[in-house]
Amino acid sequence: MLEEKESLWFRVLASRYGVVGGWLVGDGRGSSLWWRDVHDLCREEWFSDHVSRLVGNGKQTLFWTDAWLGEASLSVRFNRLYDLTVFKGESVFELSQLGWGEEGGAWRWRQRLLAWEEKSVGELILLLQNVTLQVNKVDRWLWTWKLLKFFLFVVFTNF
């Protein structure tokens, strides 16, 4: 529902609660208790700890803050680079279009990088070498295996 920015439900929620950086706002005085609870789950990282992104075209996955390349987001794995980048809220698609090779346009920094930060950029570029976006597929959320294992445990122990 929330992945399709043109869907009726997204537009209803966006008009009711607002949108910042492409994401629905959830913590305002006019927000319902239900919506604040949903938003709190996201803010407390419960949601991000139990889902990951399966990237298709990369248009609905945030490059730095969504966990799409491993279990942790790139902002956590490369936190110093995230602090220094000028592209904090862009999607995977947008940064791939800028280029994420060695001389790519995706690597713009607020200040000159130190040697160890340059090494981190090299590690990130190496990590991105095998990423291929699929133009005809949309990005999706996937439940993580650790949550599924928990549910399976509960089901089978109560069976």
N, C-alpha and C. Protein backbone atom coordinates (compact mmCIF):
# COMPACT_ATOMS: atom_id res chain seq x y z
N MET A 1 0.83 -1.19 0.00
CA MET A 1 0.00 0.00 0.00
C MET A 1 0.87 1.25 0.00
N LEU A 2 1.87 1.31 0.86
CA LEU A 2 2.67 2.53 0.98
C LEU A 2 3.79 2.60 -0.04
N GLU A 3 3.98 1.54 -0.81
CA GLU A 3 5.02 1.55 -1.83
C GLU A 3 4.54 2.21 -3.10
N GLU A 4 3.27 2.22 -3.32
CA GLU A 4 2.72 2.79 -4.54
C GLU A 4 2.30 4.22 -4.26
N LYS A 5 3.19 5.15 -4.57
CA LYS A 5 2.98 6.55 -4.20
C LYS A 5 1.75 7.16 -4.89
N GLU A 6 1.28 6.56 -5.97
CA GLU A 6 0.11 7.08 -6.68
C GLU A 6 -1.18 6.36 -6.28
N SER A 7 -1.07 5.38 -5.37
CA SER A 7 -2.27 4.64 -4.98
C SER A 7 -3.20 5.52 -4.15
N LEU A 8 -4.46 5.14 -4.12
CA LEU A 8 -5.46 5.90 -3.37
C LEU A 8 -5.10 5.98 -1.89
N TRP A 9 -4.68 4.84 -1.29
CA TRP A 9 -4.39 4.84 0.14
C TRP A 9 -3.21 5.74 0.49
N PHE A 10 -2.19 5.71 -0.34
CA PHE A 10 -1.05 6.59 -0.06
C PHE A 10 -1.49 8.05 -0.15
N ARG A 11 -2.27 8.38 -1.16
CA ARG A 11 -2.72 9.77 -1.31
C ARG A 11 -3.60 10.19 -0.15
N VAL A 12 -4.47 9.29 0.34
CA VAL A 12 -5.34 9.61 1.49
C VAL A 12 -4.48 9.87 2.73
N LEU A 13 -3.55 8.95 3.01
CA LEU A 13 -2.68 9.12 4.18
C LEU A 13 -1.78 10.34 4.05
N ALA A 14 -1.29 10.61 2.85
CA ALA A 14 -0.43 11.77 2.62
C ALA A 14 -1.21 13.07 2.85
N SER A 15 -2.45 13.11 2.40
CA SER A 15 -3.22 14.33 2.60
C SER A 15 -3.59 14.51 4.07
N ARG A 16 -3.77 13.41 4.79
CA ARG A 16 -4.15 13.48 6.20
C ARG A 16 -2.96 13.81 7.10
N TYR A 17 -1.81 13.15 6.85
CA TYR A 17 -0.68 13.26 7.78
C TYR A 17 0.52 14.02 7.21
N GLY A 18 0.60 14.14 5.89
CA GLY A 18 1.72 14.85 5.28
C GLY A 18 2.83 13.91 4.84
N VAL A 19 3.71 14.44 3.99
CA VAL A 19 4.83 13.66 3.47
C VAL A 19 6.09 14.51 3.59
N VAL A 20 7.16 13.90 4.08
CA VAL A 20 8.46 14.56 4.14
C VAL A 20 9.49 13.62 3.53
N GLY A 21 10.20 14.08 2.52
CA GLY A 21 11.21 13.25 1.88
C GLY A 21 10.65 12.00 1.24
N GLY A 22 9.41 12.04 0.79
CA GLY A 22 8.79 10.89 0.16
C GLY A 22 8.17 9.90 1.12
N TRP A 23 8.25 10.16 2.43
CA TRP A 23 7.73 9.24 3.44
C TRP A 23 6.63 9.92 4.24
N LEU A 24 5.65 9.13 4.65
CA LEU A 24 4.53 9.67 5.42
C LEU A 24 4.97 10.14 6.79
N VAL A 25 4.42 11.26 7.22
CA VAL A 25 4.70 11.81 8.55
C VAL A 25 3.73 11.17 9.52
N GLY A 26 4.17 10.89 10.74
CA GLY A 26 3.28 10.20 11.66
C GLY A 26 3.17 10.79 13.04
N ASP A 27 3.87 11.86 13.31
CA ASP A 27 3.87 12.34 14.69
C ASP A 27 3.45 13.80 14.78
N GLY A 28 2.21 14.03 14.56
CA GLY A 28 1.70 15.38 14.68
C GLY A 28 0.55 15.43 15.66
N ARG A 29 0.18 16.62 16.07
CA ARG A 29 -0.92 16.75 17.03
C ARG A 29 -2.23 16.23 16.45
N GLY A 30 -2.38 16.32 15.13
CA GLY A 30 -3.62 15.85 14.51
C GLY A 30 -3.62 14.37 14.17
N SER A 31 -2.55 13.66 14.49
CA SER A 31 -2.46 12.23 14.15
C SER A 31 -3.32 11.40 15.09
N SER A 32 -3.93 10.36 14.55
CA SER A 32 -4.72 9.46 15.38
C SER A 32 -3.77 8.61 16.24
N LEU A 33 -4.31 8.05 17.30
CA LEU A 33 -3.51 7.17 18.16
C LEU A 33 -2.99 5.98 17.37
N TRP A 34 -3.83 5.41 16.52
CA TRP A 34 -3.43 4.27 15.70
C TRP A 34 -2.25 4.65 14.82
N TRP A 35 -2.33 5.79 14.13
CA TRP A 35 -1.27 6.18 13.22
C TRP A 35 0.02 6.49 13.98
N ARG A 36 -0.09 7.10 15.16
CA ARG A 36 1.11 7.36 15.96
C ARG A 36 1.76 6.06 16.41
N ASP A 37 0.95 5.05 16.75
CA ASP A 37 1.52 3.74 17.12
C ASP A 37 2.26 3.11 15.95
N VAL A 38 1.66 3.16 14.77
CA VAL A 38 2.32 2.63 13.58
C VAL A 38 3.63 3.38 13.34
N HIS A 39 3.58 4.69 13.43
CA HIS A 39 4.78 5.51 13.22
C HIS A 39 5.84 5.21 14.28
N ASP A 40 5.42 5.00 15.53
CA ASP A 40 6.37 4.67 16.60
C ASP A 40 7.10 3.36 16.32
N LEU A 41 6.39 2.38 15.76
CA LEU A 41 7.05 1.12 15.41
C LEU A 41 8.19 1.38 14.43
N CYS A 42 7.97 2.25 13.48
CA CYS A 42 9.01 2.57 12.50
C CYS A 42 10.14 3.35 13.16
N ARG A 43 9.80 4.33 13.98
CA ARG A 43 10.80 5.18 14.62
C ARG A 43 11.65 4.38 15.61
N GLU A 44 11.05 3.43 16.30
CA GLU A 44 11.79 2.63 17.27
C GLU A 44 12.57 1.51 16.60
N GLU A 45 12.59 1.50 15.31
CA GLU A 45 13.35 0.56 14.49
C GLU A 45 12.84 -0.88 14.59
N TRP A 46 11.67 -1.11 15.17
CA TRP A 46 11.11 -2.44 15.17
C TRP A 46 10.90 -2.89 13.73
N PHE A 47 10.30 -2.03 12.95
CA PHE A 47 9.99 -2.37 11.56
C PHE A 47 11.27 -2.66 10.79
N SER A 48 12.25 -1.75 10.86
CA SER A 48 13.48 -1.93 10.08
C SER A 48 14.30 -3.11 10.58
N ASP A 49 14.12 -3.52 11.83
CA ASP A 49 14.83 -4.69 12.33
C ASP A 49 14.21 -6.00 11.83
N HIS A 50 13.00 -5.95 11.32
CA HIS A 50 12.30 -7.17 10.94
C HIS A 50 11.95 -7.27 9.45
N VAL A 51 12.31 -6.26 8.69
CA VAL A 51 12.08 -6.32 7.25
C VAL A 51 13.33 -5.86 6.53
N SER A 52 13.42 -6.23 5.27
CA SER A 52 14.49 -5.72 4.42
C SER A 52 13.87 -5.40 3.07
N ARG A 53 14.65 -4.74 2.23
CA ARG A 53 14.14 -4.35 0.92
C ARG A 53 14.68 -5.30 -0.15
N LEU A 54 13.80 -5.72 -1.03
CA LEU A 54 14.19 -6.43 -2.23
C LEU A 54 14.12 -5.39 -3.34
N VAL A 55 15.27 -5.02 -3.85
CA VAL A 55 15.34 -3.92 -4.81
C VAL A 55 15.05 -4.43 -6.21
N GLY A 56 14.12 -3.74 -6.86
CA GLY A 56 13.84 -3.99 -8.27
C GLY A 56 14.47 -2.86 -9.07
N ASN A 57 13.67 -1.81 -9.32
CA ASN A 57 14.19 -0.66 -10.06
C ASN A 57 14.89 0.35 -9.15
N GLY A 58 14.77 0.21 -7.85
CA GLY A 58 15.45 1.08 -6.90
C GLY A 58 14.79 2.42 -6.65
N LYS A 59 13.64 2.65 -7.24
CA LYS A 59 13.00 3.97 -7.13
C LYS A 59 12.32 4.21 -5.79
N GLN A 60 11.99 3.14 -5.06
CA GLN A 60 11.28 3.30 -3.79
C GLN A 60 12.11 2.84 -2.60
N THR A 61 13.40 2.70 -2.81
CA THR A 61 14.31 2.28 -1.74
C THR A 61 15.32 3.39 -1.52
N LEU A 62 15.41 3.86 -0.29
CA LEU A 62 16.38 4.90 0.03
C LEU A 62 17.77 4.29 0.12
N PHE A 63 18.71 4.88 -0.60
CA PHE A 63 20.06 4.33 -0.71
C PHE A 63 20.72 4.16 0.65
N TRP A 64 20.71 5.19 1.47
CA TRP A 64 21.45 5.16 2.72
C TRP A 64 20.69 4.56 3.89
N THR A 65 19.38 4.78 3.98
CA THR A 65 18.68 4.46 5.23
C THR A 65 17.81 3.20 5.19
N ASP A 66 17.54 2.64 4.02
CA ASP A 66 16.83 1.36 3.96
C ASP A 66 17.84 0.22 3.95
N ALA A 67 17.52 -0.88 4.62
CA ALA A 67 18.39 -2.06 4.61
C ALA A 67 18.10 -2.85 3.33
N TRP A 68 18.88 -2.58 2.31
CA TRP A 68 18.64 -3.22 1.01
C TRP A 68 19.84 -4.02 0.53
N LEU A 69 20.97 -3.85 1.17
CA LEU A 69 22.20 -4.54 0.75
C LEU A 69 22.81 -5.17 2.01
N GLY A 70 22.18 -6.24 2.48
CA GLY A 70 22.59 -6.84 3.74
C GLY A 70 21.59 -6.53 4.83
N GLU A 71 21.93 -6.89 6.06
CA GLU A 71 20.97 -6.75 7.16
C GLU A 71 20.87 -5.33 7.71
N ALA A 72 21.93 -4.54 7.58
CA ALA A 72 21.92 -3.18 8.12
C ALA A 72 21.91 -2.17 6.97
N SER A 73 21.39 -1.01 7.25
CA SER A 73 21.39 0.05 6.23
C SER A 73 22.81 0.52 5.99
N LEU A 74 23.04 1.13 4.84
CA LEU A 74 24.37 1.65 4.53
C LEU A 74 24.73 2.82 5.45
N SER A 75 23.72 3.53 5.96
CA SER A 75 23.99 4.62 6.90
C SER A 75 24.56 4.10 8.21
N VAL A 76 24.26 2.85 8.55
CA VAL A 76 24.81 2.23 9.75
C VAL A 76 26.18 1.62 9.43
N ARG A 77 26.27 0.90 8.33
CA ARG A 77 27.53 0.22 7.97
C ARG A 77 28.63 1.20 7.60
N PHE A 78 28.27 2.32 6.98
CA PHE A 78 29.23 3.34 6.57
C PHE A 78 28.81 4.68 7.17
N ASN A 79 28.70 4.72 8.49
CA ASN A 79 28.10 5.88 9.16
C ASN A 79 28.88 7.17 8.93
N ARG A 80 30.19 7.11 8.83
CA ARG A 80 30.96 8.34 8.58
C ARG A 80 30.68 8.88 7.17
N LEU A 81 30.59 8.01 6.20
CA LEU A 81 30.27 8.45 4.84
C LEU A 81 28.86 9.04 4.79
N TYR A 82 27.94 8.43 5.52
CA TYR A 82 26.59 8.97 5.58
C TYR A 82 26.59 10.38 6.19
N ASP A 83 27.38 10.57 7.24
CA ASP A 83 27.48 11.90 7.85
C ASP A 83 27.99 12.94 6.86
N LEU A 84 28.86 12.52 5.94
CA LEU A 84 29.52 13.46 5.03
C LEU A 84 28.83 13.64 3.68
N THR A 85 27.97 12.72 3.30
CA THR A 85 27.38 12.81 1.96
C THR A 85 26.42 13.99 1.85
N VAL A 86 26.31 14.52 0.63
CA VAL A 86 25.31 15.56 0.38
C VAL A 86 24.00 14.93 -0.12
N PHE A 87 24.02 13.63 -0.40
CA PHE A 87 22.84 12.92 -0.90
C PHE A 87 22.29 11.98 0.17
N LYS A 88 21.63 12.51 1.17
CA LYS A 88 21.12 11.67 2.27
C LYS A 88 19.77 11.01 1.97
N GLY A 89 18.90 11.66 1.24
CA GLY A 89 17.54 11.16 1.07
C GLY A 89 17.22 10.63 -0.31
N GLU A 90 18.23 10.34 -1.11
CA GLU A 90 17.99 9.88 -2.47
C GLU A 90 17.77 8.37 -2.52
N SER A 91 17.11 7.95 -3.57
CA SER A 91 16.81 6.53 -3.76
C SER A 91 18.02 5.81 -4.37
N VAL A 92 17.95 4.49 -4.35
CA VAL A 92 18.98 3.67 -4.99
C VAL A 92 19.03 4.03 -6.48
N PHE A 93 17.87 4.18 -7.10
CA PHE A 93 17.80 4.52 -8.52
C PHE A 93 18.50 5.85 -8.80
N GLU A 94 18.18 6.87 -8.00
CA GLU A 94 18.75 8.20 -8.23
C GLU A 94 20.28 8.18 -8.13
N LEU A 95 20.81 7.51 -7.12
CA LEU A 95 22.27 7.47 -6.99
C LEU A 95 22.92 6.60 -8.05
N SER A 96 22.22 5.55 -8.50
CA SER A 96 22.79 4.75 -9.59
C SER A 96 22.85 5.56 -10.87
N GLN A 97 21.87 6.44 -11.08
CA GLN A 97 21.88 7.29 -12.26
C GLN A 97 23.04 8.30 -12.21
N LEU A 98 23.38 8.75 -11.02
CA LEU A 98 24.52 9.66 -10.87
C LEU A 98 25.83 8.92 -11.09
N GLY A 99 25.82 7.62 -10.85
CA GLY A 99 27.01 6.79 -11.01
C GLY A 99 27.67 6.52 -9.68
N TRP A 100 27.84 5.22 -9.38
CA TRP A 100 28.48 4.89 -8.12
C TRP A 100 29.77 4.11 -8.32
N GLY A 101 30.40 4.34 -9.49
CA GLY A 101 31.75 3.84 -9.72
C GLY A 101 32.76 4.75 -9.04
N GLU A 102 34.04 4.54 -9.28
CA GLU A 102 35.08 5.32 -8.60
C GLU A 102 34.95 6.82 -8.82
N GLU A 103 34.64 7.23 -10.01
CA GLU A 103 34.50 8.67 -10.30
C GLU A 103 33.04 9.08 -10.43
N GLY A 104 32.14 8.29 -9.85
CA GLY A 104 30.71 8.53 -9.99
C GLY A 104 30.24 9.80 -9.30
N GLY A 105 29.17 10.35 -9.82
CA GLY A 105 28.58 11.56 -9.27
C GLY A 105 27.86 11.35 -7.95
N ALA A 106 27.65 10.09 -7.56
CA ALA A 106 26.96 9.81 -6.29
C ALA A 106 27.84 10.13 -5.09
N TRP A 107 29.13 10.28 -5.34
CA TRP A 107 30.07 10.50 -4.24
C TRP A 107 30.44 11.97 -4.14
N ARG A 108 29.52 12.74 -3.57
CA ARG A 108 29.77 14.16 -3.29
C ARG A 108 29.71 14.35 -1.79
N TRP A 109 30.73 15.02 -1.26
CA TRP A 109 30.90 15.12 0.18
C TRP A 109 30.89 16.56 0.65
N ARG A 110 30.51 16.76 1.88
CA ARG A 110 30.47 18.10 2.47
C ARG A 110 31.88 18.64 2.73
N GLN A 111 32.85 17.75 2.80
CA GLN A 111 34.24 18.16 3.02
C GLN A 111 35.16 17.13 2.39
N ARG A 112 36.40 17.47 2.28
CA ARG A 112 37.40 16.56 1.72
C ARG A 112 37.55 15.34 2.64
N LEU A 113 37.64 14.16 2.03
CA LEU A 113 37.73 12.92 2.81
C LEU A 113 39.16 12.65 3.28
N LEU A 114 39.25 12.06 4.45
CA LEU A 114 40.53 11.59 4.97
C LEU A 114 40.85 10.24 4.33
N ALA A 115 42.07 9.77 4.49
CA ALA A 115 42.51 8.53 3.85
C ALA A 115 41.62 7.35 4.24
N TRP A 116 41.29 7.22 5.52
CA TRP A 116 40.48 6.09 5.95
C TRP A 116 39.04 6.19 5.43
N GLU A 117 38.56 7.41 5.22
CA GLU A 117 37.23 7.60 4.65
C GLU A 117 37.24 7.23 3.17
N GLU A 118 38.33 7.56 2.47
CA GLU A 118 38.48 7.15 1.06
C GLU A 118 38.47 5.63 0.94
N LYS A 119 39.10 4.97 1.91
CA LYS A 119 39.12 3.51 1.92
C LYS A 119 37.70 2.97 2.09
N SER A 120 36.91 3.60 2.94
CA SER A 120 35.51 3.19 3.12
C SER A 120 34.71 3.37 1.84
N VAL A 121 34.98 4.44 1.10
CA VAL A 121 34.31 4.64 -0.20
C VAL A 121 34.66 3.49 -1.13
N GLY A 122 35.92 3.09 -1.14
CA GLY A 122 36.35 1.96 -1.96
C GLY A 122 35.62 0.68 -1.59
N GLU A 123 35.44 0.44 -0.29
CA GLU A 123 34.71 -0.74 0.16
C GLU A 123 33.25 -0.68 -0.28
N LEU A 124 32.66 0.50 -0.20
CA LEU A 124 31.27 0.66 -0.62
C LEU A 124 31.13 0.45 -2.13
N ILE A 125 32.04 1.00 -2.90
CA ILE A 125 32.01 0.81 -4.35
C ILE A 125 32.14 -0.68 -4.70
N LEU A 126 33.01 -1.37 -4.00
CA LEU A 126 33.19 -2.81 -4.22
C LEU A 126 31.89 -3.56 -3.91
N LEU A 127 31.22 -3.16 -2.85
CA LEU A 127 29.95 -3.77 -2.46
C LEU A 127 28.87 -3.56 -3.54
N LEU A 128 28.92 -2.42 -4.21
CA LEU A 128 27.90 -2.06 -5.20
C LEU A 128 28.17 -2.63 -6.60
N GLN A 129 29.35 -3.20 -6.82
CA GLN A 129 29.71 -3.68 -8.15
C GLN A 129 28.75 -4.70 -8.72
N ASN A 130 28.20 -5.55 -7.89
CA ASN A 130 27.32 -6.61 -8.38
C ASN A 130 25.85 -6.24 -8.35
N VAL A 131 25.53 -5.00 -8.04
CA VAL A 131 24.13 -4.57 -7.99
C VAL A 131 23.66 -4.24 -9.40
N THR A 132 22.57 -4.87 -9.80
CA THR A 132 21.94 -4.59 -11.09
C THR A 132 20.47 -4.29 -10.84
N LEU A 133 20.05 -3.11 -11.21
CA LEU A 133 18.64 -2.75 -11.03
C LEU A 133 17.81 -3.38 -12.12
N GLN A 134 16.59 -3.78 -11.76
CA GLN A 134 15.67 -4.42 -12.69
C GLN A 134 14.58 -3.42 -13.05
N VAL A 135 14.68 -2.86 -14.23
CA VAL A 135 13.84 -1.75 -14.66
C VAL A 135 12.35 -2.03 -14.55
N ASN A 136 11.93 -3.25 -14.83
CA ASN A 136 10.50 -3.57 -14.88
C ASN A 136 9.95 -4.11 -13.57
N LYS A 137 10.73 -4.09 -12.49
CA LYS A 137 10.25 -4.61 -11.21
C LYS A 137 10.28 -3.50 -10.16
N VAL A 138 9.24 -3.45 -9.34
CA VAL A 138 9.19 -2.47 -8.26
C VAL A 138 9.89 -3.05 -7.03
N ASP A 139 10.34 -2.18 -6.16
CA ASP A 139 10.95 -2.59 -4.90
C ASP A 139 9.87 -3.13 -3.97
N ARG A 140 10.24 -4.09 -3.11
CA ARG A 140 9.29 -4.70 -2.19
C ARG A 140 9.91 -4.85 -0.82
N TRP A 141 9.05 -4.91 0.21
CA TRP A 141 9.47 -5.23 1.56
C TRP A 141 9.45 -6.74 1.73
N LEU A 142 10.41 -7.29 2.46
CA LEU A 142 10.45 -8.71 2.79
C LEU A 142 10.62 -8.87 4.29
N TRP A 143 9.87 -9.77 4.88
CA TRP A 143 10.08 -10.07 6.30
C TRP A 143 11.39 -10.79 6.44
N THR A 144 12.14 -10.49 7.49
CA THR A 144 13.43 -11.14 7.69
C THR A 144 13.22 -12.55 8.23
N TRP A 145 14.22 -13.38 8.03
CA TRP A 145 14.15 -14.77 8.45
C TRP A 145 14.04 -14.89 9.96
N LYS A 146 14.70 -13.99 10.73
CA LYS A 146 14.65 -14.13 12.19
C LYS A 146 13.22 -13.95 12.71
N LEU A 147 12.42 -13.07 12.09
CA LEU A 147 11.04 -12.92 12.51
C LEU A 147 10.22 -14.14 12.09
N LEU A 148 10.45 -14.65 10.89
CA LEU A 148 9.73 -15.84 10.44
C LEU A 148 10.06 -17.04 11.32
N LYS A 149 11.33 -17.18 11.72
CA LYS A 149 11.71 -18.28 12.61
C LYS A 149 10.95 -18.17 13.94
N PHE A 150 10.80 -16.96 14.46
CA PHE A 150 10.07 -16.74 15.70
C PHE A 150 8.61 -17.19 15.55
N PHE A 151 7.97 -16.75 14.46
CA PHE A 151 6.57 -17.13 14.24
C PHE A 151 6.42 -18.64 14.07
N LEU A 152 7.33 -19.26 13.35
CA LEU A 152 7.28 -20.71 13.18
C LEU A 152 7.45 -21.42 14.52
N PHE A 153 8.36 -20.93 15.36
CA PHE A 153 8.56 -21.50 16.70
C PHE A 153 7.28 -21.42 17.51
N VAL A 154 6.63 -20.24 17.50
CA VAL A 154 5.40 -20.06 18.27
C VAL A 154 4.31 -20.97 17.75
N VAL A 155 4.17 -21.09 16.46
CA VAL A 155 3.13 -21.93 15.87
C VAL A 155 3.35 -23.39 16.22
N PHE A 156 4.59 -23.88 16.04
CA PHE A 156 4.84 -25.30 16.26
C PHE A 156 4.88 -25.67 17.74
N THR A 157 5.25 -24.76 18.62
CA THR A 157 5.23 -25.09 20.05
C THR A 157 3.81 -25.08 20.60
N ASN A 158 2.90 -24.37 19.94
CA ASN A 158 1.51 -24.34 20.37
C ASN A 158 0.63 -25.34 19.63
N PHE A 159 1.22 -26.09 18.74
CA PHE A 159 0.46 -27.03 17.91
C PHE A 159 0.18 -28.31 18.60
